Each structure stands twice: as C-alpha cells, then as structure tokens.
C-alpha cells in the first residue's frame, strides 16, 4: 500500500525545475524563430 513516511514539501524538485526551464527557453526561442520567419515572408511578399 502507500508509504506513510512521506512528508509533504520534502521532495527534491530540482530536475523538474531544470526541465521546465529548458521547455520555457525552447518555447521562447521557437516563437521568436517563427515570428522572424513570418516577418521575412511579409517583407518578401511570399
């Protein structure tokens, strides 16, 4: 059954925080890249 030794707030979340930070960086760079592509398409009347 469930382990009753768990104490709320004691879990190490450093890996999850690093993963989320990477996801946010990737998402931001992706959005910037696609906006750049859209600007280029608009400038060159594609």
PDB file of N, CA and C in Angstrom:
ATOM      1  N   UNK A   1       0.829  -1.180   0.000  1.00  0.00           N
ATOM      2  CA  UNK A   1       0.000   0.000   0.000  1.00  0.00           C
ATOM      3  C   UNK A   1       0.878   1.251   0.000  1.00  0.00           C
ATOM      4  N   UNK A   2       0.280   2.363   0.309  1.00  0.00           N
ATOM      5  CA  UNK A   2       1.007   3.635   0.278  1.00  0.00           C
ATOM      6  C   UNK A   2       2.021   3.711   1.414  1.00  0.00           C
ATOM      7  N   UNK A   3       3.143   4.350   1.089  1.00  0.00           N
ATOM      8  CA  UNK A   3       4.190   4.559   2.091  1.00  0.00           C
ATOM      9  C   UNK A   3       3.795   5.743   2.966  1.00  0.00           C
ATOM     10  N   UNK A   4       3.700   5.565   4.241  1.00  0.00           N
ATOM     11  CA  UNK A   4       3.228   6.610   5.148  1.00  0.00           C
ATOM     12  C   UNK A   4       4.375   7.483   5.676  1.00  0.00           C
ATOM     13  N   UNK A   5       5.603   7.275   5.169  1.00  0.00           N
ATOM     14  CA  UNK A   5       6.740   8.057   5.640  1.00  0.00           C
ATOM     15  C   UNK A   5       6.923   9.359   4.863  1.00  0.00           C
ATOM     16  N   UNK A   6       6.128   9.567   3.842  1.00  0.00           N
ATOM     17  CA  UNK A   6       6.275  10.774   3.025  1.00  0.00           C
ATOM     18  C   UNK A   6       5.834  12.008   3.799  1.00  0.00           C
ATOM     19  N   UNK A   7       6.649  13.066   3.713  1.00  0.00           N
ATOM     20  CA  UNK A   7       6.312  14.345   4.333  1.00  0.00           C
ATOM     21  C   UNK A   7       6.149  15.364   3.206  1.00  0.00           C
ATOM     22  N   UNK A   8       5.022  16.014   3.174  1.00  0.00           N
ATOM     23  CA  UNK A   8       4.725  16.980   2.120  1.00  0.00           C
ATOM     24  C   UNK A   8       5.772  18.090   2.121  1.00  0.00           C
ATOM     25  N   UNK A   9       6.288  18.421   0.929  1.00  0.00           N
ATOM     26  CA  UNK A   9       7.239  19.514   0.791  1.00  0.00           C
ATOM     27  C   UNK A   9       8.688  19.096   0.895  1.00  0.00           C
ATOM     28  N   UNK A  10       8.974  17.794   0.983  1.00  0.00           N
ATOM     29  CA  UNK A  10      10.356  17.349   1.133  1.00  0.00           C
ATOM     30  C   UNK A  10      10.928  16.756  -0.150  1.00  0.00           C
ATOM     31  N   UNK A  11      10.134  16.667  -1.204  1.00  0.00           N
ATOM     32  CA  UNK A  11      10.618  16.076  -2.452  1.00  0.00           C
ATOM     33  C   UNK A  11      11.598  17.013  -3.157  1.00  0.00           C
ATOM     34  N   UNK A  12      12.671  16.450  -3.698  1.00  0.00           N
ATOM     35  CA  UNK A  12      13.648  17.236  -4.450  1.00  0.00           C
ATOM     36  C   UNK A  12      13.098  17.469  -5.857  1.00  0.00           C
ATOM     37  N   UNK A  13      12.827  18.713  -6.195  1.00  0.00           N
ATOM     38  CA  UNK A  13      12.230  19.030  -7.490  1.00  0.00           C
ATOM     39  C   UNK A  13      13.214  19.708  -8.434  1.00  0.00           C
ATOM     40  N   UNK A  14      14.508  19.602  -8.164  1.00  0.00           N
ATOM     41  CA  UNK A  14      15.485  20.312  -8.994  1.00  0.00           C
ATOM     42  C   UNK A  14      15.469  19.821 -10.449  1.00  0.00           C
ATOM     43  N   UNK A  15      15.285  18.526 -10.677  1.00  0.00           N
ATOM     44  CA  UNK A  15      15.235  18.018 -12.054  1.00  0.00           C
ATOM     45  C   UNK A  15      14.011  18.549 -12.787  1.00  0.00           C
ATOM     46  N   UNK A  16      12.873  18.576 -12.125  1.00  0.00           N
ATOM     47  CA  UNK A  16      11.667  19.101 -12.757  1.00  0.00           C
ATOM     48  C   UNK A  16      11.824  20.582 -13.075  1.00  0.00           C
ATOM     49  N   UNK A  17      12.481  21.327 -12.183  1.00  0.00           N
ATOM     50  CA  UNK A  17      12.683  22.756 -12.420  1.00  0.00           C
ATOM     51  C   UNK A  17      13.610  22.979 -13.613  1.00  0.00           C
ATOM     52  N   UNK A  18      14.666  22.168 -13.738  1.00  0.00           N
ATOM     53  CA  UNK A  18      15.580  22.286 -14.886  1.00  0.00           C
ATOM     54  C   UNK A  18      14.858  21.940 -16.184  1.00  0.00           C
ATOM     55  N   UNK A  19      14.028  20.900 -16.151  1.00  0.00           N
ATOM     56  CA  UNK A  19      13.282  20.502 -17.340  1.00  0.00           C
ATOM     57  C   UNK A  19      12.317  21.607 -17.756  1.00  0.00           C
ATOM     58  N   UNK A  20      11.614  22.187 -16.801  1.00  0.00           N
ATOM     59  CA  UNK A  20      10.664  23.260 -17.114  1.00  0.00           C
ATOM     60  C   UNK A  20      11.391  24.479 -17.659  1.00  0.00           C
ATOM     61  N   UNK A  21      12.542  24.808 -17.078  1.00  0.00           N
ATOM     62  CA  UNK A  21      13.328  25.946 -17.574  1.00  0.00           C
ATOM     63  C   UNK A  21      13.758  25.715 -19.020  1.00  0.00           C
ATOM     64  N   UNK A  22      14.175  24.494 -19.323  1.00  0.00           N
ATOM     65  CA  UNK A  22      14.544  24.161 -20.701  1.00  0.00           C
ATOM     66  C   UNK A  22      13.362  24.264 -21.643  1.00  0.00           C
ATOM     67  N   UNK A  23      12.206  23.811 -21.191  1.00  0.00           N
ATOM     68  CA  UNK A  23      10.996  23.892 -22.006  1.00  0.00           C
ATOM     69  C   UNK A  23      10.627  25.342 -22.291  1.00  0.00           C
ATOM     70  N   UNK A  24      10.716  26.195 -21.285  1.00  0.00           N
ATOM     71  CA  UNK A  24      10.376  27.608 -21.463  1.00  0.00           C
ATOM     72  C   UNK A  24      11.355  28.275 -22.432  1.00  0.00           C
ATOM     73  N   UNK A  25      12.653  27.959 -22.308  1.00  0.00           N
ATOM     74  CA  UNK A  25      13.644  28.510 -23.237  1.00  0.00           C
ATOM     75  C   UNK A  25      13.360  28.056 -24.664  1.00  0.00           C
ATOM     76  N   UNK A  26      13.112  26.759 -24.828  1.00  0.00           N
ATOM     77  CA  UNK A  26      12.831  26.211 -26.151  1.00  0.00           C
ATOM     78  C   UNK A  26      11.585  26.856 -26.749  1.00  0.00           C
ATOM     79  N   UNK A  27      10.548  27.006 -25.954  1.00  0.00           N
ATOM     80  CA  UNK A  27       9.301  27.610 -26.438  1.00  0.00           C
ATOM     81  C   UNK A  27       9.527  29.058 -26.856  1.00  0.00           C
ATOM     82  N   UNK A  28      10.243  29.809 -26.041  1.00  0.00           N
ATOM     83  CA  UNK A  28      10.506  31.210 -26.365  1.00  0.00           C
ATOM     84  C   UNK A  28      11.322  31.363 -27.628  1.00  0.00           C
ATOM     85  N   UNK A  29      12.343  30.534 -27.779  1.00  0.00           N
ATOM     86  CA  UNK A  29      13.170  30.592 -28.990  1.00  0.00           C
ATOM     87  C   UNK A  29      12.382  30.171 -30.219  1.00  0.00           C
ATOM     88  N   UNK A  30      11.505  29.186 -30.060  1.00  0.00           N
ATOM     89  CA  UNK A  30      10.670  28.739 -31.182  1.00  0.00           C
ATOM     90  C   UNK A  30       9.733  29.845 -31.634  1.00  0.00           C
ATOM     91  N   UNK A  31       9.106  30.517 -30.691  1.00  0.00           N
ATOM     92  CA  UNK A  31       8.206  31.617 -31.036  1.00  0.00           C
ATOM     93  C   UNK A  31       8.976  32.727 -31.738  1.00  0.00           C
ATOM     94  N   UNK A  32      10.150  33.070 -31.224  1.00  0.00           N
ATOM     95  CA  UNK A  32      10.965  34.119 -31.850  1.00  0.00           C
ATOM     96  C   UNK A  32      11.356  33.720 -33.272  1.00  0.00           C
ATOM     97  N   UNK A  33      11.728  32.465 -33.462  1.00  0.00           N
ATOM     98  CA  UNK A  33      12.112  31.982 -34.789  1.00  0.00           C
ATOM     99  C   UNK A  33      10.946  32.075 -35.762  1.00  0.00           C
ATOM    100  N   UNK A  34       9.763  31.622 -35.342  1.00  0.00           N
ATOM    101  CA  UNK A  34       8.605  31.663 -36.233  1.00  0.00           C
ATOM    102  C   UNK A  34       8.170  33.092 -36.531  1.00  0.00           C
ATOM    103  N   UNK A  35       8.293  33.981 -35.558  1.00  0.00           N
ATOM    104  CA  UNK A  35       7.985  35.386 -35.834  1.00  0.00           C
ATOM    105  C   UNK A  35       8.970  35.970 -36.841  1.00  0.00           C
ATOM    106  N   UNK A  36      10.236  35.610 -36.703  1.00  0.00           N
ATOM    107  CA  UNK A  36      11.253  36.062 -37.653  1.00  0.00           C
ATOM    108  C   UNK A  36      10.925  35.571 -39.063  1.00  0.00           C
ATOM    109  N   UNK A  37      10.539  34.312 -39.176  1.00  0.00           N
ATOM    110  CA  UNK A  37      10.173  33.757 -40.480  1.00  0.00           C
ATOM    111  C   UNK A  37       8.956  34.492 -41.048  1.00  0.00           C
ATOM    112  N   UNK A  38       7.967  34.770 -40.209  1.00  0.00           N
ATOM    113  CA  UNK A  38       6.792  35.492 -40.678  1.00  0.00           C
ATOM    114  C   UNK A  38       7.131  36.896 -41.163  1.00  0.00           C
ATOM    115  N   UNK A  39       8.043  37.567 -40.455  1.00  0.00           N
ATOM    116  CA  UNK A  39       8.471  38.902 -40.879  1.00  0.00           C
ATOM    117  C   UNK A  39       9.179  38.821 -42.234  1.00  0.00           C
ATOM    118  N   UNK A  40      10.053  37.824 -42.380  1.00  0.00           N
ATOM    119  CA  UNK A  40      10.732  37.664 -43.675  1.00  0.00           C
ATOM    120  C   UNK A  40       9.740  37.392 -44.792  1.00  0.00           C
ATOM    121  N   UNK A  41       8.768  36.546 -44.526  1.00  0.00           N
ATOM    122  CA  UNK A  41       7.749  36.266 -45.545  1.00  0.00           C
ATOM    123  C   UNK A  41       6.974  37.533 -45.898  1.00  0.00           C
ATOM    124  N   UNK A  42       6.659  38.350 -44.916  1.00  0.00           N
ATOM    125  CA  UNK A  42       5.926  39.589 -45.168  1.00  0.00           C
ATOM    126  C   UNK A  42       6.775  40.580 -45.963  1.00  0.00           C
ATOM    127  N   UNK A  43       8.062  40.636 -45.645  1.00  0.00           N
ATOM    128  CA  UNK A  43       8.946  41.570 -46.359  1.00  0.00           C
ATOM    129  C   UNK A  43       9.148  41.192 -47.820  1.00  0.00           C
ATOM    130  N   UNK A  44       9.195  39.918 -48.093  1.00  0.00           N
ATOM    131  CA  UNK A  44       9.467  39.456 -49.445  1.00  0.00           C
ATOM    132  C   UNK A  44       8.183  39.037 -50.178  1.00  0.00           C
ATOM    133  N   UNK A  45       7.042  39.415 -49.651  1.00  0.00           N
ATOM    134  CA  UNK A  45       5.750  39.161 -50.285  1.00  0.00           C
ATOM    135  C   UNK A  45       5.564  37.710 -50.695  1.00  0.00           C
ATOM    136  N   UNK A  46       5.867  36.801 -49.779  1.00  0.00           N
ATOM    137  CA  UNK A  46       5.745  35.378 -50.142  1.00  0.00           C
ATOM    138  C   UNK A  46       4.334  34.944 -50.080  1.00  0.00           C
TER     139      UNK A  46
END
